Amino acid sequence: MDRDFLIDLFADFGPVTIRPMFSGFGISADGVNFALSLRAGLYFRADEATIPRFEAEGSKPFQYQTSKRSVTVASYWQLPERLFDDTEELGEWARAALGAAQRAALKKRPKAAKQAAKRGAAEKRVRKKKTGQATKAKKRAPRKRSSS
């Protein structure tokens, strides 16, 4: 799928940003990546709320092969081919995929915030330790006496 085809495909959904990614394109709206166009397949972001819809259509999650094993990416599911001819319904699926991507982003934020807080606390301890070492060094330094 080329970029122009994807732009036309998402016309009923609204404006999308299409960027090169892996061997295809990443598709995003409002700064959130919700779809991948790879190997002649279009994959939408899915979660526990939307996966049953994909399963009902007989879709499968994205898979790829490494030299040692097959990897399944359960968060992206192949869009049913019938939707390529119905851009209005594809727009509905795209909105659901965007919602799944936004929910996933919200779940990640607390973890990132915790890690940032840990980094901040660690940096504070390092600064405190360095300040304490400097204070000790001043105390140990011999005092100069003035000769009057």
C-alpha atoms as a PDB file:
ATOM      1  CA  MET A   1       0.000   0.000   0.000  1.00  0.00           C
ATOM      2  CA  ASP A   2       1.353   3.390  -0.878  1.00  0.00           C
ATOM      3  CA  ARG A   3       0.903   6.667   0.981  1.00  0.00           C
ATOM      4  CA  ASP A   4      -1.723   8.102  -1.421  1.00  0.00           C
ATOM      5  CA  PHE A   5      -3.844   4.945  -1.164  1.00  0.00           C
ATOM      6  CA  LEU A   6      -3.746   5.166   2.637  1.00  0.00           C
ATOM      7  CA  ILE A   7      -4.726   8.853   2.615  1.00  0.00           C
ATOM      8  CA  ASP A   8      -7.751   8.031   0.432  1.00  0.00           C
ATOM      9  CA  LEU A   9      -8.601   5.024   2.604  1.00  0.00           C
ATOM     10  CA  PHE A  10      -8.801   7.169   5.753  1.00  0.00           C
ATOM     11  CA  ALA A  11     -10.770   9.999   4.112  1.00  0.00           C
ATOM     12  CA  ASP A  12     -13.952   9.247   6.112  1.00  0.00           C
ATOM     13  CA  PHE A  13     -11.960   8.941   9.331  1.00  0.00           C
ATOM     14  CA  GLY A  14     -10.262  12.314   9.094  1.00  0.00           C
ATOM     15  CA  PRO A  15      -6.714  13.597   8.728  1.00  0.00           C
ATOM     16  CA  VAL A  16      -3.950  11.134   9.514  1.00  0.00           C
ATOM     17  CA  THR A  17      -0.181  11.344   9.665  1.00  0.00           C
ATOM     18  CA  ILE A  18       1.594   8.639   7.696  1.00  0.00           C
ATOM     19  CA  ARG A  19       5.271   8.027   8.427  1.00  0.00           C
ATOM     20  CA  PRO A  20       7.688   5.371   7.202  1.00  0.00           C
ATOM     21  CA  MET A  21       7.984   2.583   9.768  1.00  0.00           C
ATOM     22  CA  PHE A  22       9.716  -0.780   9.459  1.00  0.00           C
ATOM     23  CA  SER A  23       8.885  -2.035   5.967  1.00  0.00           C
ATOM     24  CA  GLY A  24       5.722   0.050   5.649  1.00  0.00           C
ATOM     25  CA  PHE A  25       3.998   2.941   7.362  1.00  0.00           C
ATOM     26  CA  GLY A  26       2.842   3.963  10.812  1.00  0.00           C
ATOM     27  CA  ILE A  27      -0.504   5.765  10.813  1.00  0.00           C
ATOM     28  CA  SER A  28      -1.406   8.210  13.561  1.00  0.00           C
ATOM     29  CA  ALA A  29      -3.996  10.802  14.510  1.00  0.00           C
ATOM     30  CA  ASP A  30      -3.613  13.448  17.194  1.00  0.00           C
ATOM     31  CA  GLY A  31      -0.047  12.236  17.780  1.00  0.00           C
ATOM     32  CA  VAL A  32      -1.155   8.674  18.624  1.00  0.00           C
ATOM     33  CA  ASN A  33      -0.113   5.752  16.432  1.00  0.00           C
ATOM     34  CA  PHE A  34      -3.146   3.514  15.874  1.00  0.00           C
ATOM     35  CA  ALA A  35      -2.418   1.572  12.678  1.00  0.00           C
ATOM     36  CA  LEU A  36       0.392  -0.089  10.742  1.00  0.00           C
ATOM     37  CA  SER A  37       0.535  -0.732   7.034  1.00  0.00           C
ATOM     38  CA  LEU A  38       2.927  -3.638   6.547  1.00  0.00           C
ATOM     39  CA  ARG A  39       3.412  -6.364   3.931  1.00  0.00           C
ATOM     40  CA  ALA A  40       0.229  -5.550   2.012  1.00  0.00           C
ATOM     41  CA  GLY A  41      -1.752  -5.754   5.250  1.00  0.00           C
ATOM     42  CA  LEU A  42      -3.314  -3.072   7.374  1.00  0.00           C
ATOM     43  CA  TYR A  43      -3.216  -3.643  11.133  1.00  0.00           C
ATOM     44  CA  PHE A  44      -5.216  -1.662  13.686  1.00  0.00           C
ATOM     45  CA  ARG A  45      -4.430  -1.217  17.368  1.00  0.00           C
ATOM     46  CA  ALA A  46      -6.671  -3.461  19.475  1.00  0.00           C
ATOM     47  CA  ASP A  47      -7.335  -4.156  23.137  1.00  0.00           C
ATOM     48  CA  GLU A  48      -9.739  -6.218  25.238  1.00  0.00           C
ATOM     49  CA  ALA A  49     -12.621  -3.962  24.148  1.00  0.00           C
ATOM     50  CA  THR A  50     -11.997  -4.290  20.392  1.00  0.00           C
ATOM     51  CA  ILE A  51     -10.378  -7.712  19.891  1.00  0.00           C
ATOM     52  CA  PRO A  52     -13.750  -9.555  19.881  1.00  0.00           C
ATOM     53  CA  ARG A  53     -14.760  -7.504  16.827  1.00  0.00           C
ATOM     54  CA  PHE A  54     -11.621  -8.639  14.973  1.00  0.00           C
ATOM     55  CA  GLU A  55     -12.143 -12.253  16.049  1.00  0.00           C
ATOM     56  CA  ALA A  56     -15.751 -12.177  14.786  1.00  0.00           C
ATOM     57  CA  GLU A  57     -14.397 -11.193  11.358  1.00  0.00           C
ATOM     58  CA  GLY A  58     -11.833 -14.006  11.374  1.00  0.00           C
ATOM     59  CA  SER A  59      -8.896 -11.600  11.638  1.00  0.00           C
ATOM     60  CA  LYS A  60      -5.584 -12.531  13.226  1.00  0.00           C
ATOM     61  CA  PRO A  61      -3.034 -10.551  15.239  1.00  0.00           C
ATOM     62  CA  PHE A  62       0.096  -9.287  13.515  1.00  0.00           C
ATOM     63  CA  GLN A  63       2.846 -11.909  13.294  1.00  0.00           C
ATOM     64  CA  TYR A  64       6.389 -11.911  12.007  1.00  0.00           C
ATOM     65  CA  GLN A  65       9.209 -14.424  11.814  1.00  0.00           C
ATOM     66  CA  THR A  66      12.666 -14.133  13.277  1.00  0.00           C
ATOM     67  CA  SER A  67      15.422 -16.604  12.519  1.00  0.00           C
ATOM     68  CA  LYS A  68      14.476 -18.538  15.658  1.00  0.00           C
ATOM     69  CA  ARG A  69      10.739 -18.151  16.170  1.00  0.00           C
ATOM     70  CA  SER A  70       7.402 -16.662  15.218  1.00  0.00           C
ATOM     71  CA  VAL A  71       6.429 -13.504  17.131  1.00  0.00           C
ATOM     72  CA  THR A  72       2.802 -12.477  17.639  1.00  0.00           C
ATOM     73  CA  VAL A  73       2.009  -8.840  18.402  1.00  0.00           C
ATOM     74  CA  ALA A  74      -1.382  -9.120  20.119  1.00  0.00           C
ATOM     75  CA  SER A  75      -1.948  -5.368  20.198  1.00  0.00           C
ATOM     76  CA  TYR A  76      -2.281  -5.038  16.389  1.00  0.00           C
ATOM     77  CA  TRP A  77      -4.864  -7.023  14.401  1.00  0.00           C
ATOM     78  CA  GLN A  78      -5.320  -7.305  10.649  1.00  0.00           C
ATOM     79  CA  LEU A  79      -8.162  -5.258   9.254  1.00  0.00           C
ATOM     80  CA  PRO A  80     -10.803  -7.370   7.456  1.00  0.00           C
ATOM     81  CA  GLU A  81     -10.354  -7.036   3.692  1.00  0.00           C
ATOM     82  CA  ARG A  82     -14.032  -6.174   3.131  1.00  0.00           C
ATOM     83  CA  LEU A  83     -13.419  -2.789   4.806  1.00  0.00           C
ATOM     84  CA  PHE A  84     -11.122  -1.646   1.994  1.00  0.00           C
ATOM     85  CA  ASP A  85     -14.301  -1.177  -0.076  1.00  0.00           C
ATOM     86  CA  ASP A  86     -16.243   0.584   2.702  1.00  0.00           C
ATOM     87  CA  THR A  87     -14.289   3.622   3.885  1.00  0.00           C
ATOM     88  CA  GLU A  88     -17.195   4.770   6.065  1.00  0.00           C
ATOM     89  CA  GLU A  89     -17.138   1.579   8.148  1.00  0.00           C
ATOM     90  CA  LEU A  90     -13.335   1.586   8.026  1.00  0.00           C
ATOM     91  CA  GLY A  91     -13.539   5.032   9.640  1.00  0.00           C
ATOM     92  CA  GLU A  92     -15.558   3.529  12.511  1.00  0.00           C
ATOM     93  CA  TRP A  93     -12.952   0.797  12.985  1.00  0.00           C
ATOM     94  CA  ALA A  94     -10.196   3.420  12.857  1.00  0.00           C
ATOM     95  CA  ARG A  95     -11.901   5.459  15.609  1.00  0.00           C
ATOM     96  CA  ALA A  96     -12.116   2.304  17.741  1.00  0.00           C
ATOM     97  CA  ALA A  97      -8.417   1.593  17.055  1.00  0.00           C
ATOM     98  CA  LEU A  98      -7.499   5.147  18.018  1.00  0.00           C
ATOM     99  CA  GLY A  99      -9.459   4.686  21.238  1.00  0.00           C
ATOM    100  CA  ALA A 100      -7.551   1.458  21.965  1.00  0.00           C
ATOM    101  CA  ALA A 101      -4.238   3.240  21.323  1.00  0.00           C
ATOM    102  CA  GLN A 102      -5.217   6.113  23.613  1.00  0.00           C
ATOM    103  CA  ARG A 103      -6.233   3.699  26.395  1.00  0.00           C
ATOM    104  CA  ALA A 104      -2.892   1.908  26.029  1.00  0.00           C
ATOM    105  CA  ALA A 105      -1.049   5.233  26.274  1.00  0.00           C
ATOM    106  CA  LEU A 106      -2.906   6.078  29.492  1.00  0.00           C
ATOM    107  CA  LYS A 107      -1.912   2.736  31.008  1.00  0.00           C
ATOM    108  CA  LYS A 108       1.744   3.416  30.223  1.00  0.00           C
ATOM    109  CA  ARG A 109       1.819   6.912  31.726  1.00  0.00           C
ATOM    110  CA  PRO A 110       1.685   5.923  35.407  1.00  0.00           C
ATOM    111  CA  LYS A 111       4.607   3.552  34.902  1.00  0.00           C
ATOM    112  CA  ALA A 112       6.624   6.279  33.188  1.00  0.00           C
ATOM    113  CA  ALA A 113       5.729   8.727  35.955  1.00  0.00           C
ATOM    114  CA  LYS A 114       6.874   6.228  38.618  1.00  0.00           C
ATOM    115  CA  GLN A 115      10.175   5.740  36.810  1.00  0.00           C
ATOM    116  CA  ALA A 116      10.656   9.500  36.552  1.00  0.00           C
ATOM    117  CA  ALA A 117       9.947   9.859  40.264  1.00  0.00           C
ATOM    118  CA  LYS A 118      12.501   7.132  41.052  1.00  0.00           C
ATOM    119  CA  ARG A 119      15.087   8.877  38.864  1.00  0.00           C
ATOM    120  CA  GLY A 120      14.345  12.182  40.582  1.00  0.00           C
ATOM    121  CA  ALA A 121      14.749  10.615  44.045  1.00  0.00           C
ATOM    122  CA  ALA A 122      18.001   8.943  43.014  1.00  0.00           C
ATOM    123  CA  GLU A 123      19.359  12.213  41.638  1.00  0.00           C
ATOM    124  CA  LYS A 124      18.370  13.969  44.859  1.00  0.00           C
ATOM    125  CA  ARG A 125      20.269  11.362  46.923  1.00  0.00           C
ATOM    126  CA  VAL A 126      23.342  11.810  44.722  1.00  0.00           C
ATOM    127  CA  ARG A 127      23.201  15.608  45.119  1.00  0.00           C
ATOM    128  CA  LYS A 128      22.745  15.264  48.877  1.00  0.00           C
ATOM    129  CA  LYS A 129      25.651  12.834  49.090  1.00  0.00           C
ATOM    130  CA  LYS A 130      27.907  15.145  47.073  1.00  0.00           C
ATOM    131  CA  THR A 131      26.930  18.109  49.262  1.00  0.00           C
ATOM    132  CA  GLY A 132      27.624  16.072  52.390  1.00  0.00           C
ATOM    133  CA  GLN A 133      31.065  15.076  51.100  1.00  0.00           C
ATOM    134  CA  ALA A 134      31.918  18.682  50.371  1.00  0.00           C
ATOM    135  CA  THR A 135      30.907  19.698  53.896  1.00  0.00           C
ATOM    136  CA  LYS A 136      33.088  16.969  55.426  1.00  0.00           C
ATOM    137  CA  ALA A 137      36.036  18.057  53.302  1.00  0.00           C
ATOM    138  CA  LYS A 138      35.697  21.631  54.584  1.00  0.00           C
ATOM    139  CA  LYS A 139      35.646  20.443  58.178  1.00  0.00           C
ATOM    140  CA  ARG A 140      38.831  18.412  57.738  1.00  0.00           C
ATOM    141  CA  ALA A 141      40.787  21.197  56.049  1.00  0.00           C
ATOM    142  CA  PRO A 142      43.248  22.859  58.436  1.00  0.00           C
ATOM    143  CA  ARG A 143      42.345  26.366  59.369  1.00  0.00           C
ATOM    144  CA  LYS A 144      44.704  29.176  58.611  1.00  0.00           C
ATOM    145  CA  ARG A 145      45.546  31.294  61.553  1.00  0.00           C
ATOM    146  CA  SER A 146      46.209  34.891  61.074  1.00  0.00           C
ATOM    147  CA  SER A 147      49.480  36.205  62.362  1.00  0.00           C
ATOM    148  CA  SER A 148      49.005  39.551  63.981  1.00  0.00           C
END
